[in-house]
Amino acid sequence: MTGSAVDGRPCVPPWGVTVRTGVLIAAATLVLGVSGCGSSPAAVQPAAPPPAPAAASGADPGESGCPLSAEALSSATGMTWALRTTEPDHELETLPGVKADVCVLTSDDRPQQGGDPLVLRVDTAEGADAEKVRTEFEASCSRNGGTATDSSAATGARVCTSEYLPEALLGDNDRVVEVYYVAADQETAKELEGSFDEVLAAVQ
């Protein structure tokens, strides 16, 4: 979903799909060392080579702490994914004061603007934070012109469908898992949309 750049203006990546600007900045920083999003394509270029993956592709969710393994994501999408980093108790960019365990997975199979990898992020929140994440998911979907509907892909799944990439929230009030691609060009977005149900079915 969209947000604002560091200068307060809407930030629209130049490759045709706008998704979660604040999270785009944060995920890029975690994975690529990018400092932020500006008005020129150069602002989304990696400042340094990506760090070594935090866990090998195919890591068991129980070992990594992530509810979606790279192996399961690879199987669902037909691409090769790796778990790049995990951030326990990470304060969410769109919900100050609310924390979640964050997993960032990347794939080099469909290079994006500047050769950047595809990025999928998984946020897991529990307790009172889970309810806040659920409320914001529904509100944010509506604000961005999307429609949130139940999905049969996984138990307790809600999917927000809009002009951007789909995103989903799974679980109940005690534990929720939010799954979303940070950004993708239009051609890749269509491919990712087609396998999104399989991705949700792989979440544990």
N, C-alpha and C. Protein backbone atom coordinates (compact mmCIF):
# COMPACT_ATOMS: atom_id res chain seq x y z
N MET A 1 0.83 -1.18 0.00
CA MET A 1 0.00 0.00 0.00
C MET A 1 0.87 1.24 0.00
N THR A 2 0.28 2.37 -0.40
CA THR A 2 1.06 3.57 -0.54
C THR A 2 1.28 4.27 0.77
N GLY A 3 2.27 5.17 0.77
CA GLY A 3 2.55 5.96 1.95
C GLY A 3 3.23 7.23 1.50
N SER A 4 4.10 7.77 2.35
CA SER A 4 4.80 9.00 2.01
C SER A 4 6.28 8.78 2.08
N ALA A 5 7.00 9.48 1.24
CA ALA A 5 8.45 9.42 1.26
C ALA A 5 8.97 10.27 2.40
N VAL A 6 10.28 10.27 2.56
CA VAL A 6 10.89 11.00 3.65
C VAL A 6 10.65 12.50 3.54
N ASP A 7 10.35 13.02 2.35
CA ASP A 7 10.10 14.45 2.19
C ASP A 7 8.62 14.79 2.28
N GLY A 8 7.77 13.78 2.60
CA GLY A 8 6.35 14.03 2.79
C GLY A 8 5.51 13.85 1.56
N ARG A 9 6.11 13.68 0.39
CA ARG A 9 5.36 13.48 -0.84
C ARG A 9 5.10 12.01 -1.06
N PRO A 10 4.00 11.69 -1.78
CA PRO A 10 3.77 10.28 -2.10
C PRO A 10 4.96 9.71 -2.83
N CYS A 11 5.32 8.49 -2.49
CA CYS A 11 6.47 7.85 -3.11
C CYS A 11 5.99 6.76 -4.05
N VAL A 12 6.25 6.90 -5.33
CA VAL A 12 5.78 5.94 -6.33
C VAL A 12 6.98 5.32 -7.01
N PRO A 13 7.29 4.06 -6.74
CA PRO A 13 8.41 3.42 -7.41
C PRO A 13 8.23 3.49 -8.92
N PRO A 14 9.30 3.70 -9.68
CA PRO A 14 9.21 3.94 -11.11
C PRO A 14 8.91 2.71 -11.93
N TRP A 15 8.72 1.53 -11.31
CA TRP A 15 8.53 0.34 -12.12
C TRP A 15 7.07 -0.07 -12.26
N GLY A 16 6.11 0.76 -11.79
CA GLY A 16 4.72 0.56 -12.20
C GLY A 16 3.79 0.03 -11.14
N VAL A 17 4.26 -0.43 -9.99
CA VAL A 17 3.38 -0.91 -8.94
C VAL A 17 3.78 -0.26 -7.64
N THR A 18 2.82 0.32 -6.94
CA THR A 18 3.10 0.99 -5.68
C THR A 18 2.57 0.16 -4.53
N VAL A 19 3.42 -0.21 -3.60
CA VAL A 19 3.00 -1.04 -2.49
C VAL A 19 3.68 -0.61 -1.20
N ARG A 20 2.90 -0.22 -0.19
CA ARG A 20 3.41 0.02 1.16
C ARG A 20 4.72 0.80 1.19
N THR A 21 4.66 2.07 0.90
CA THR A 21 5.88 2.86 0.79
C THR A 21 6.75 2.80 2.03
N GLY A 22 6.14 3.01 3.21
CA GLY A 22 6.94 2.98 4.44
C GLY A 22 7.62 1.66 4.63
N VAL A 23 6.92 0.59 4.29
CA VAL A 23 7.49 -0.74 4.44
C VAL A 23 8.52 -1.00 3.36
N LEU A 24 8.31 -0.43 2.15
CA LEU A 24 9.30 -0.54 1.09
C LEU A 24 10.63 0.02 1.57
N ILE A 25 10.59 1.18 2.20
CA ILE A 25 11.81 1.79 2.70
C ILE A 25 12.45 0.91 3.75
N ALA A 26 11.63 0.42 4.69
CA ALA A 26 12.17 -0.39 5.78
C ALA A 26 12.74 -1.71 5.29
N ALA A 27 12.01 -2.38 4.41
CA ALA A 27 12.49 -3.66 3.91
C ALA A 27 13.74 -3.49 3.08
N ALA A 28 13.77 -2.42 2.27
CA ALA A 28 14.97 -2.16 1.47
C ALA A 28 16.16 -1.89 2.37
N THR A 29 15.92 -1.18 3.46
CA THR A 29 17.00 -0.89 4.39
C THR A 29 17.52 -2.17 5.02
N LEU A 30 16.61 -3.05 5.42
CA LEU A 30 16.99 -4.31 6.05
C LEU A 30 17.78 -5.20 5.09
N VAL A 31 17.35 -5.21 3.83
CA VAL A 31 17.93 -6.16 2.88
C VAL A 31 19.06 -5.56 2.06
N LEU A 32 18.90 -4.30 1.64
CA LEU A 32 19.82 -3.73 0.66
C LEU A 32 20.65 -2.58 1.18
N GLY A 33 20.32 -2.05 2.34
CA GLY A 33 21.05 -0.90 2.84
C GLY A 33 20.60 0.40 2.23
N VAL A 34 19.38 0.45 1.66
CA VAL A 34 18.87 1.67 1.06
C VAL A 34 18.39 2.60 2.16
N SER A 35 18.65 3.89 2.01
CA SER A 35 18.31 4.84 3.06
C SER A 35 16.89 5.36 2.97
N GLY A 36 16.25 5.33 1.81
CA GLY A 36 14.89 5.85 1.71
C GLY A 36 14.44 5.92 0.28
N CYS A 37 13.25 6.52 0.08
CA CYS A 37 12.67 6.62 -1.26
C CYS A 37 12.51 8.08 -1.62
N GLY A 38 13.03 8.47 -2.78
CA GLY A 38 12.94 9.87 -3.20
C GLY A 38 12.25 9.98 -4.53
N SER A 39 12.52 11.06 -5.25
CA SER A 39 11.79 11.32 -6.49
C SER A 39 12.45 10.73 -7.71
N SER A 40 13.67 10.21 -7.57
CA SER A 40 14.37 9.68 -8.73
C SER A 40 14.61 8.19 -8.58
N PRO A 41 14.72 7.44 -9.71
CA PRO A 41 14.97 6.00 -9.63
C PRO A 41 16.21 5.67 -8.83
N ALA A 42 17.19 6.55 -8.80
CA ALA A 42 18.42 6.25 -8.08
C ALA A 42 18.18 6.04 -6.60
N ALA A 43 17.06 6.58 -6.09
CA ALA A 43 16.80 6.49 -4.66
C ALA A 43 16.49 5.07 -4.21
N VAL A 44 16.13 4.20 -5.15
CA VAL A 44 15.81 2.84 -4.76
C VAL A 44 16.91 1.86 -5.14
N GLN A 45 18.05 2.38 -5.52
CA GLN A 45 19.17 1.51 -5.83
C GLN A 45 19.84 1.04 -4.55
N PRO A 46 20.35 -0.19 -4.51
CA PRO A 46 21.05 -0.64 -3.31
C PRO A 46 22.34 0.12 -3.11
N ALA A 47 22.60 0.51 -1.87
CA ALA A 47 23.82 1.24 -1.56
C ALA A 47 24.98 0.30 -1.34
N ALA A 48 24.67 -0.97 -1.11
CA ALA A 48 25.71 -1.96 -0.87
C ALA A 48 25.17 -3.32 -1.29
N PRO A 49 26.04 -4.29 -1.57
CA PRO A 49 25.56 -5.62 -1.93
C PRO A 49 24.71 -6.20 -0.80
N PRO A 50 23.68 -7.02 -1.13
CA PRO A 50 22.85 -7.62 -0.09
C PRO A 50 23.70 -8.47 0.85
N PRO A 51 23.34 -8.48 2.13
CA PRO A 51 24.08 -9.33 3.07
C PRO A 51 23.79 -10.79 2.81
N ALA A 52 24.60 -11.65 3.36
CA ALA A 52 24.36 -13.08 3.21
C ALA A 52 23.04 -13.46 3.84
N PRO A 53 22.30 -14.42 3.28
CA PRO A 53 21.02 -14.81 3.84
C PRO A 53 21.16 -15.21 5.30
N ALA A 54 20.12 -14.87 6.08
CA ALA A 54 20.13 -15.23 7.49
C ALA A 54 19.93 -16.72 7.67
N ALA A 55 19.26 -17.35 6.70
CA ALA A 55 19.06 -18.79 6.76
C ALA A 55 18.99 -19.30 5.33
N ALA A 56 19.40 -20.53 5.13
CA ALA A 56 19.40 -21.10 3.79
C ALA A 56 17.99 -21.30 3.28
N SER A 57 17.82 -21.23 1.96
CA SER A 57 16.52 -21.52 1.37
C SER A 57 16.07 -22.90 1.79
N GLY A 58 14.77 -22.97 2.20
CA GLY A 58 14.25 -24.24 2.66
C GLY A 58 14.35 -24.42 4.15
N ALA A 59 14.76 -23.38 4.88
CA ALA A 59 14.85 -23.49 6.32
C ALA A 59 13.50 -23.81 6.91
N ASP A 60 13.47 -24.66 7.90
CA ASP A 60 12.24 -25.06 8.55
C ASP A 60 11.68 -23.88 9.33
N PRO A 61 10.34 -23.63 9.26
CA PRO A 61 9.77 -22.49 9.97
C PRO A 61 10.07 -22.55 11.47
N GLY A 62 10.10 -23.77 12.03
CA GLY A 62 10.38 -23.90 13.44
C GLY A 62 11.78 -23.48 13.80
N GLU A 63 12.72 -23.66 12.89
CA GLU A 63 14.11 -23.28 13.15
C GLU A 63 14.33 -21.79 12.97
N SER A 64 13.70 -21.18 11.99
CA SER A 64 13.91 -19.77 11.71
C SER A 64 13.00 -18.87 12.53
N GLY A 65 11.91 -19.42 13.03
CA GLY A 65 10.93 -18.62 13.73
C GLY A 65 9.94 -17.97 12.80
N CYS A 66 10.05 -18.22 11.50
CA CYS A 66 9.15 -17.63 10.51
C CYS A 66 8.01 -18.60 10.18
N PRO A 67 6.79 -18.09 10.08
CA PRO A 67 5.66 -18.96 9.77
C PRO A 67 5.59 -19.39 8.30
N LEU A 68 6.46 -18.82 7.46
CA LEU A 68 6.52 -19.19 6.05
C LEU A 68 7.98 -19.45 5.69
N SER A 69 8.29 -20.68 5.33
CA SER A 69 9.67 -21.02 4.99
C SER A 69 9.98 -20.65 3.55
N ALA A 70 11.26 -20.47 3.27
CA ALA A 70 11.70 -20.18 1.91
C ALA A 70 11.36 -21.35 0.98
N GLU A 71 11.48 -22.56 1.49
CA GLU A 71 11.19 -23.74 0.67
C GLU A 71 9.71 -23.75 0.27
N ALA A 72 8.82 -23.49 1.22
CA ALA A 72 7.39 -23.49 0.93
C ALA A 72 7.03 -22.36 -0.03
N LEU A 73 7.64 -21.20 0.15
CA LEU A 73 7.38 -20.06 -0.74
C LEU A 73 7.88 -20.36 -2.15
N SER A 74 9.02 -21.00 -2.23
CA SER A 74 9.57 -21.37 -3.54
C SER A 74 8.64 -22.34 -4.26
N SER A 75 8.12 -23.31 -3.51
CA SER A 75 7.22 -24.29 -4.10
C SER A 75 5.92 -23.63 -4.58
N ALA A 76 5.41 -22.68 -3.80
CA ALA A 76 4.14 -22.04 -4.12
C ALA A 76 4.25 -21.13 -5.33
N THR A 77 5.38 -20.46 -5.49
CA THR A 77 5.52 -19.46 -6.56
C THR A 77 6.27 -19.96 -7.79
N GLY A 78 7.00 -21.05 -7.66
CA GLY A 78 7.82 -21.52 -8.76
C GLY A 78 9.10 -20.71 -8.92
N MET A 79 9.44 -19.90 -7.91
CA MET A 79 10.67 -19.13 -7.90
C MET A 79 11.54 -19.62 -6.74
N THR A 80 12.79 -19.23 -6.75
CA THR A 80 13.70 -19.60 -5.67
C THR A 80 13.81 -18.45 -4.68
N TRP A 81 13.44 -18.72 -3.43
CA TRP A 81 13.46 -17.71 -2.38
C TRP A 81 14.43 -18.09 -1.29
N ALA A 82 14.95 -17.08 -0.60
CA ALA A 82 15.82 -17.29 0.55
C ALA A 82 15.39 -16.35 1.67
N LEU A 83 15.52 -16.83 2.88
CA LEU A 83 15.26 -15.99 4.04
C LEU A 83 16.46 -15.09 4.26
N ARG A 84 16.27 -13.78 4.08
CA ARG A 84 17.39 -12.86 4.17
C ARG A 84 17.66 -12.38 5.59
N THR A 85 16.58 -12.09 6.32
CA THR A 85 16.79 -11.58 7.67
C THR A 85 15.54 -11.74 8.50
N THR A 86 15.71 -11.76 9.81
CA THR A 86 14.59 -11.76 10.75
C THR A 86 14.81 -10.63 11.74
N GLU A 87 13.72 -10.01 12.17
CA GLU A 87 13.78 -8.90 13.12
C GLU A 87 12.72 -9.13 14.21
N PRO A 88 13.08 -9.79 15.31
CA PRO A 88 12.12 -9.99 16.40
C PRO A 88 11.74 -8.65 17.04
N ASP A 89 10.50 -8.55 17.48
CA ASP A 89 10.03 -7.35 18.18
C ASP A 89 10.33 -6.06 17.42
N HIS A 90 10.05 -6.08 16.14
CA HIS A 90 10.28 -4.92 15.29
C HIS A 90 9.08 -3.99 15.35
N GLU A 91 9.31 -2.71 15.62
CA GLU A 91 8.20 -1.75 15.64
C GLU A 91 7.72 -1.50 14.22
N LEU A 92 6.44 -1.69 14.00
CA LEU A 92 5.89 -1.57 12.65
C LEU A 92 5.87 -0.13 12.18
N GLU A 93 6.25 0.07 10.92
CA GLU A 93 6.36 1.39 10.34
C GLU A 93 5.02 2.11 10.29
N THR A 94 3.94 1.37 10.08
CA THR A 94 2.61 1.97 9.95
C THR A 94 1.85 2.03 11.26
N LEU A 95 2.40 1.41 12.31
CA LEU A 95 1.73 1.39 13.62
C LEU A 95 2.76 1.63 14.72
N PRO A 96 3.13 2.86 14.97
CA PRO A 96 4.10 3.14 16.03
C PRO A 96 3.67 2.56 17.37
N GLY A 97 4.60 1.92 18.04
CA GLY A 97 4.32 1.31 19.33
C GLY A 97 3.87 -0.13 19.24
N VAL A 98 3.51 -0.58 18.04
CA VAL A 98 3.08 -1.96 17.84
C VAL A 98 4.26 -2.76 17.29
N LYS A 99 4.51 -3.91 17.89
CA LYS A 99 5.67 -4.70 17.49
C LYS A 99 5.25 -6.06 16.91
N ALA A 100 6.09 -6.56 16.01
CA ALA A 100 5.86 -7.85 15.39
C ALA A 100 7.20 -8.51 15.09
N ASP A 101 7.19 -9.82 14.97
CA ASP A 101 8.37 -10.54 14.51
C ASP A 101 8.35 -10.51 12.99
N VAL A 102 9.38 -9.95 12.39
CA VAL A 102 9.40 -9.72 10.94
C VAL A 102 10.39 -10.67 10.26
N CYS A 103 9.94 -11.26 9.17
CA CYS A 103 10.80 -12.08 8.32
C CYS A 103 10.79 -11.47 6.92
N VAL A 104 11.97 -11.31 6.35
CA VAL A 104 12.09 -10.77 4.99
C VAL A 104 12.70 -11.84 4.10
N LEU A 105 11.97 -12.21 3.06
CA LEU A 105 12.44 -13.21 2.10
C LEU A 105 12.63 -12.55 0.75
N THR A 106 13.65 -12.98 0.01
CA THR A 106 13.93 -12.37 -1.28
C THR A 106 14.15 -13.43 -2.35
N SER A 107 13.91 -13.01 -3.59
CA SER A 107 14.17 -13.87 -4.75
C SER A 107 14.87 -13.06 -5.82
N ASP A 108 15.88 -13.65 -6.43
CA ASP A 108 16.60 -13.01 -7.53
C ASP A 108 16.09 -13.47 -8.89
N ASP A 109 15.02 -14.27 -8.90
CA ASP A 109 14.54 -14.84 -10.16
C ASP A 109 13.89 -13.81 -11.08
N ARG A 110 13.32 -12.76 -10.52
CA ARG A 110 12.69 -11.71 -11.32
C ARG A 110 13.26 -10.36 -10.88
N PRO A 111 14.46 -10.01 -11.36
CA PRO A 111 15.09 -8.75 -10.95
C PRO A 111 14.18 -7.56 -11.21
N GLN A 112 14.13 -6.65 -10.25
CA GLN A 112 13.29 -5.47 -10.36
C GLN A 112 14.14 -4.25 -10.75
N GLN A 113 13.62 -3.06 -10.52
CA GLN A 113 14.33 -1.84 -10.87
C GLN A 113 15.74 -1.85 -10.28
N GLY A 114 16.73 -1.60 -11.13
CA GLY A 114 18.10 -1.55 -10.66
C GLY A 114 18.67 -2.89 -10.29
N GLY A 115 17.98 -4.01 -10.67
CA GLY A 115 18.47 -5.33 -10.33
C GLY A 115 18.13 -5.76 -8.92
N ASP A 116 17.28 -5.00 -8.22
CA ASP A 116 16.90 -5.36 -6.86
C ASP A 116 16.10 -6.67 -6.87
N PRO A 117 16.19 -7.46 -5.79
CA PRO A 117 15.42 -8.70 -5.73
C PRO A 117 13.96 -8.43 -5.40
N LEU A 118 13.12 -9.41 -5.66
CA LEU A 118 11.76 -9.38 -5.15
C LEU A 118 11.83 -9.52 -3.64
N VAL A 119 10.91 -8.88 -2.94
CA VAL A 119 10.89 -8.95 -1.48
C VAL A 119 9.49 -9.30 -1.00
N LEU A 120 9.40 -10.32 -0.16
CA LEU A 120 8.16 -10.66 0.51
C LEU A 120 8.40 -10.54 2.00
N ARG A 121 7.47 -9.92 2.69
CA ARG A 121 7.62 -9.70 4.12
C ARG A 121 6.50 -10.40 4.88
N VAL A 122 6.83 -10.98 6.01
CA VAL A 122 5.88 -11.67 6.87
C VAL A 122 6.00 -11.09 8.27
N ASP A 123 4.92 -10.50 8.77
CA ASP A 123 4.89 -9.91 10.10
C ASP A 123 3.98 -10.73 11.00
N THR A 124 4.48 -11.15 12.14
CA THR A 124 3.69 -11.93 13.09
C THR A 124 3.53 -11.14 14.38
N ALA A 125 2.28 -10.86 14.75
CA ALA A 125 1.99 -10.11 15.97
C ALA A 125 1.10 -10.94 16.88
N GLU A 126 1.27 -10.75 18.18
CA GLU A 126 0.50 -11.52 19.16
C GLU A 126 -0.12 -10.61 20.20
N GLY A 127 -1.13 -11.15 20.89
CA GLY A 127 -1.76 -10.42 21.99
C GLY A 127 -2.45 -9.15 21.54
N ALA A 128 -2.29 -8.10 22.34
CA ALA A 128 -2.93 -6.82 22.03
C ALA A 128 -2.44 -6.25 20.70
N ASP A 129 -1.18 -6.49 20.37
CA ASP A 129 -0.64 -6.00 19.10
C ASP A 129 -1.34 -6.66 17.92
N ALA A 130 -1.73 -7.92 18.08
CA ALA A 130 -2.40 -8.63 16.99
C ALA A 130 -3.72 -7.98 16.63
N GLU A 131 -4.48 -7.57 17.64
CA GLU A 131 -5.76 -6.92 17.38
C GLU A 131 -5.56 -5.57 16.69
N LYS A 132 -4.52 -4.84 17.06
CA LYS A 132 -4.23 -3.55 16.42
C LYS A 132 -3.83 -3.75 14.96
N VAL A 133 -3.05 -4.79 14.69
CA VAL A 133 -2.65 -5.09 13.31
C VAL A 133 -3.87 -5.46 12.48
N ARG A 134 -4.78 -6.24 13.06
CA ARG A 134 -5.99 -6.64 12.34
C ARG A 134 -6.85 -5.41 12.01
N THR A 135 -7.02 -4.53 12.98
CA THR A 135 -7.83 -3.33 12.76
C THR A 135 -7.22 -2.45 11.68
N GLU A 136 -5.90 -2.28 11.72
CA GLU A 136 -5.22 -1.44 10.73
C GLU A 136 -5.27 -2.08 9.34
N PHE A 137 -5.20 -3.39 9.27
CA PHE A 137 -5.27 -4.08 7.99
C PHE A 137 -6.57 -3.73 7.27
N GLU A 138 -7.68 -3.84 7.99
CA GLU A 138 -8.98 -3.56 7.40
C GLU A 138 -9.10 -2.08 7.02
N ALA A 139 -8.67 -1.19 7.93
CA ALA A 139 -8.78 0.24 7.67
C ALA A 139 -7.89 0.67 6.51
N SER A 140 -6.66 0.16 6.48
CA SER A 140 -5.72 0.52 5.43
C SER A 140 -6.21 0.04 4.07
N CYS A 141 -6.76 -1.15 4.04
CA CYS A 141 -7.29 -1.68 2.78
C CYS A 141 -8.38 -0.76 2.24
N SER A 142 -9.28 -0.33 3.12
CA SER A 142 -10.36 0.56 2.71
C SER A 142 -9.83 1.92 2.27
N ARG A 143 -8.87 2.47 3.00
CA ARG A 143 -8.31 3.78 2.66
C ARG A 143 -7.69 3.79 1.27
N ASN A 144 -7.13 2.67 0.88
CA ASN A 144 -6.43 2.59 -0.40
C ASN A 144 -7.33 2.06 -1.52
N GLY A 145 -8.63 2.08 -1.28
CA GLY A 145 -9.57 1.71 -2.32
C GLY A 145 -9.69 0.22 -2.55
N GLY A 146 -9.21 -0.58 -1.60
CA GLY A 146 -9.26 -2.03 -1.75
C GLY A 146 -10.49 -2.63 -1.10
N THR A 147 -10.64 -3.93 -1.29
CA THR A 147 -11.73 -4.69 -0.69
C THR A 147 -11.16 -5.88 0.05
N ALA A 148 -11.49 -5.98 1.33
CA ALA A 148 -11.01 -7.11 2.14
C ALA A 148 -12.09 -8.18 2.20
N THR A 149 -11.72 -9.39 1.84
CA THR A 149 -12.67 -10.50 1.82
C THR A 149 -12.04 -11.73 2.45
N ASP A 150 -12.91 -12.63 2.92
CA ASP A 150 -12.42 -13.91 3.45
C ASP A 150 -11.85 -14.74 2.31
N SER A 151 -10.83 -15.52 2.65
CA SER A 151 -10.22 -16.40 1.66
C SER A 151 -10.25 -17.83 2.15
N SER A 152 -10.54 -18.75 1.25
CA SER A 152 -10.57 -20.17 1.61
C SER A 152 -9.17 -20.79 1.53
N ALA A 153 -8.17 -19.97 1.18
CA ALA A 153 -6.81 -20.49 1.02
C ALA A 153 -6.22 -20.97 2.34
N ALA A 154 -6.64 -20.34 3.45
CA ALA A 154 -6.11 -20.70 4.76
C ALA A 154 -7.13 -20.32 5.82
N THR A 155 -7.08 -20.99 6.95
CA THR A 155 -8.02 -20.72 8.03
C THR A 155 -7.84 -19.30 8.56
N GLY A 156 -8.96 -18.57 8.65
CA GLY A 156 -8.92 -17.22 9.18
C GLY A 156 -8.24 -16.21 8.29
N ALA A 157 -8.15 -16.47 7.01
CA ALA A 157 -7.44 -15.57 6.09
C ALA A 157 -8.35 -14.48 5.54
N ARG A 158 -7.83 -13.26 5.52
CA ARG A 158 -8.48 -12.13 4.88
C ARG A 158 -7.52 -11.58 3.84
N VAL A 159 -8.02 -11.32 2.65
CA VAL A 159 -7.16 -10.82 1.57
C VAL A 159 -7.66 -9.46 1.14
N CYS A 160 -6.75 -8.51 1.05
CA CYS A 160 -7.07 -7.18 0.53
C CYS A 160 -6.70 -7.15 -0.95
N THR A 161 -7.68 -6.91 -1.78
CA THR A 161 -7.47 -6.84 -3.22
C THR A 161 -7.71 -5.41 -3.68
N SER A 162 -6.74 -4.85 -4.38
CA SER A 162 -6.86 -3.48 -4.87
C SER A 162 -6.07 -3.38 -6.17
N GLU A 163 -5.76 -2.15 -6.59
CA GLU A 163 -4.97 -1.99 -7.81
C GLU A 163 -3.52 -2.35 -7.58
N TYR A 164 -3.13 -2.56 -6.32
CA TYR A 164 -1.77 -2.94 -5.99
C TYR A 164 -1.69 -4.45 -5.81
N LEU A 165 -0.55 -4.92 -5.40
CA LEU A 165 -0.41 -6.35 -5.12
C LEU A 165 -1.32 -6.75 -3.96
N PRO A 166 -1.86 -7.98 -3.98
CA PRO A 166 -2.69 -8.41 -2.86
C PRO A 166 -1.85 -8.60 -1.61
N GLU A 167 -2.50 -8.45 -0.47
CA GLU A 167 -1.85 -8.76 0.80
C GLU A 167 -2.87 -9.46 1.68
N ALA A 168 -2.40 -10.17 2.68
CA ALA A 168 -3.31 -10.99 3.45
C ALA A 168 -2.98 -10.94 4.93
N LEU A 169 -4.01 -11.21 5.73
CA LEU A 169 -3.87 -11.34 7.17
C LEU A 169 -4.49 -12.67 7.56
N LEU A 170 -3.73 -13.46 8.31
CA LEU A 170 -4.20 -14.78 8.73
C LEU A 170 -4.15 -14.88 10.24
N GLY A 171 -5.02 -15.72 10.81
CA GLY A 171 -4.98 -15.98 12.24
C GLY A 171 -6.20 -15.48 12.96
N ASP A 172 -6.07 -15.34 14.29
CA ASP A 172 -7.17 -14.87 15.12
C ASP A 172 -6.71 -13.69 15.95
N ASN A 173 -7.50 -13.31 16.94
CA ASN A 173 -7.17 -12.13 17.72
C ASN A 173 -5.93 -12.30 18.59
N ASP A 174 -5.53 -13.54 18.86
CA ASP A 174 -4.36 -13.78 19.70
C ASP A 174 -3.06 -13.81 18.92
N ARG A 175 -3.13 -14.13 17.64
CA ARG A 175 -1.94 -14.21 16.80
C ARG A 175 -2.33 -13.98 15.36
N VAL A 176 -1.73 -13.00 14.72
CA VAL A 176 -2.01 -12.77 13.31
C VAL A 176 -0.70 -12.75 12.53
N VAL A 177 -0.79 -13.17 11.28
CA VAL A 177 0.36 -13.17 10.37
C VAL A 177 -0.04 -12.38 9.14
N GLU A 178 0.69 -11.31 8.88
CA GLU A 178 0.43 -10.50 7.69
C GLU A 178 1.48 -10.83 6.63
N VAL A 179 1.02 -11.08 5.42
CA VAL A 179 1.89 -11.52 4.33
C VAL A 179 1.71 -10.58 3.15
N TYR A 180 2.81 -10.05 2.63
CA TYR A 180 2.69 -9.16 1.48
C TYR A 180 4.03 -9.01 0.76
N TYR A 181 3.93 -8.83 -0.57
CA TYR A 181 5.10 -8.46 -1.36
C TYR A 181 5.30 -6.96 -1.21
N VAL A 182 6.54 -6.54 -1.07
CA VAL A 182 6.81 -5.12 -0.86
C VAL A 182 6.56 -4.32 -2.14
N ALA A 183 7.02 -4.81 -3.28
CA ALA A 183 6.81 -4.13 -4.55
C ALA A 183 7.18 -5.07 -5.68
N ALA A 184 6.61 -4.82 -6.86
CA ALA A 184 6.94 -5.62 -8.04
C ALA A 184 6.51 -4.85 -9.27
N ASP A 185 7.20 -5.09 -10.38
CA ASP A 185 6.76 -4.47 -11.62
C ASP A 185 5.47 -5.14 -12.08
N GLN A 186 4.81 -4.55 -13.06
CA GLN A 186 3.47 -5.01 -13.44
C GLN A 186 3.46 -6.45 -13.95
N GLU A 187 4.45 -6.82 -14.73
CA GLU A 187 4.49 -8.18 -15.27
C GLU A 187 4.68 -9.19 -14.15
N THR A 188 5.58 -8.89 -13.23
CA THR A 188 5.81 -9.80 -12.11
C THR A 188 4.61 -9.83 -11.19
N ALA A 189 3.95 -8.70 -11.01
CA ALA A 189 2.78 -8.63 -10.13
C ALA A 189 1.69 -9.59 -10.59
N LYS A 190 1.46 -9.64 -11.88
CA LYS A 190 0.44 -10.55 -12.40
C LYS A 190 0.81 -12.00 -12.09
N GLU A 191 2.08 -12.32 -12.22
CA GLU A 191 2.53 -13.67 -11.93
C GLU A 191 2.35 -14.01 -10.45
N LEU A 192 2.68 -13.05 -9.59
CA LEU A 192 2.59 -13.28 -8.15
C LEU A 192 1.14 -13.41 -7.69
N GLU A 193 0.25 -12.64 -8.30
CA GLU A 193 -1.17 -12.72 -7.93
C GLU A 193 -1.73 -14.11 -8.18
N GLY A 194 -1.26 -14.75 -9.24
CA GLY A 194 -1.78 -16.06 -9.59
C GLY A 194 -1.43 -17.15 -8.61
N SER A 195 -0.37 -16.95 -7.82
CA SER A 195 0.06 -17.98 -6.88
C SER A 195 -0.17 -17.57 -5.43
N PHE A 196 -0.90 -16.46 -5.21
CA PHE A 196 -1.02 -15.95 -3.85
C PHE A 196 -1.77 -16.90 -2.92
N ASP A 197 -2.79 -17.58 -3.41
CA ASP A 197 -3.51 -18.54 -2.58
C ASP A 197 -2.59 -19.66 -2.11
N GLU A 198 -1.71 -20.11 -3.00
CA GLU A 198 -0.77 -21.16 -2.63
C GLU A 198 0.20 -20.69 -1.57
N VAL A 199 0.60 -19.42 -1.65
CA VAL A 199 1.48 -18.84 -0.64
C VAL A 199 0.78 -18.84 0.72
N LEU A 200 -0.46 -18.40 0.75
CA LEU A 200 -1.20 -18.34 2.01
C LEU A 200 -1.40 -19.74 2.60
N ALA A 201 -1.64 -20.71 1.75
CA ALA A 201 -1.84 -22.08 2.22
C ALA A 201 -0.58 -22.64 2.87
N ALA A 202 0.58 -22.07 2.54
CA ALA A 202 1.86 -22.56 3.07
C ALA A 202 2.23 -21.92 4.41
N VAL A 203 1.47 -20.89 4.83
CA VAL A 203 1.77 -20.22 6.09
C VAL A 203 1.37 -21.10 7.27
N GLN A 204 2.22 -21.19 8.26
CA GLN A 204 1.95 -22.02 9.44
C GLN A 204 1.65 -21.16 10.65
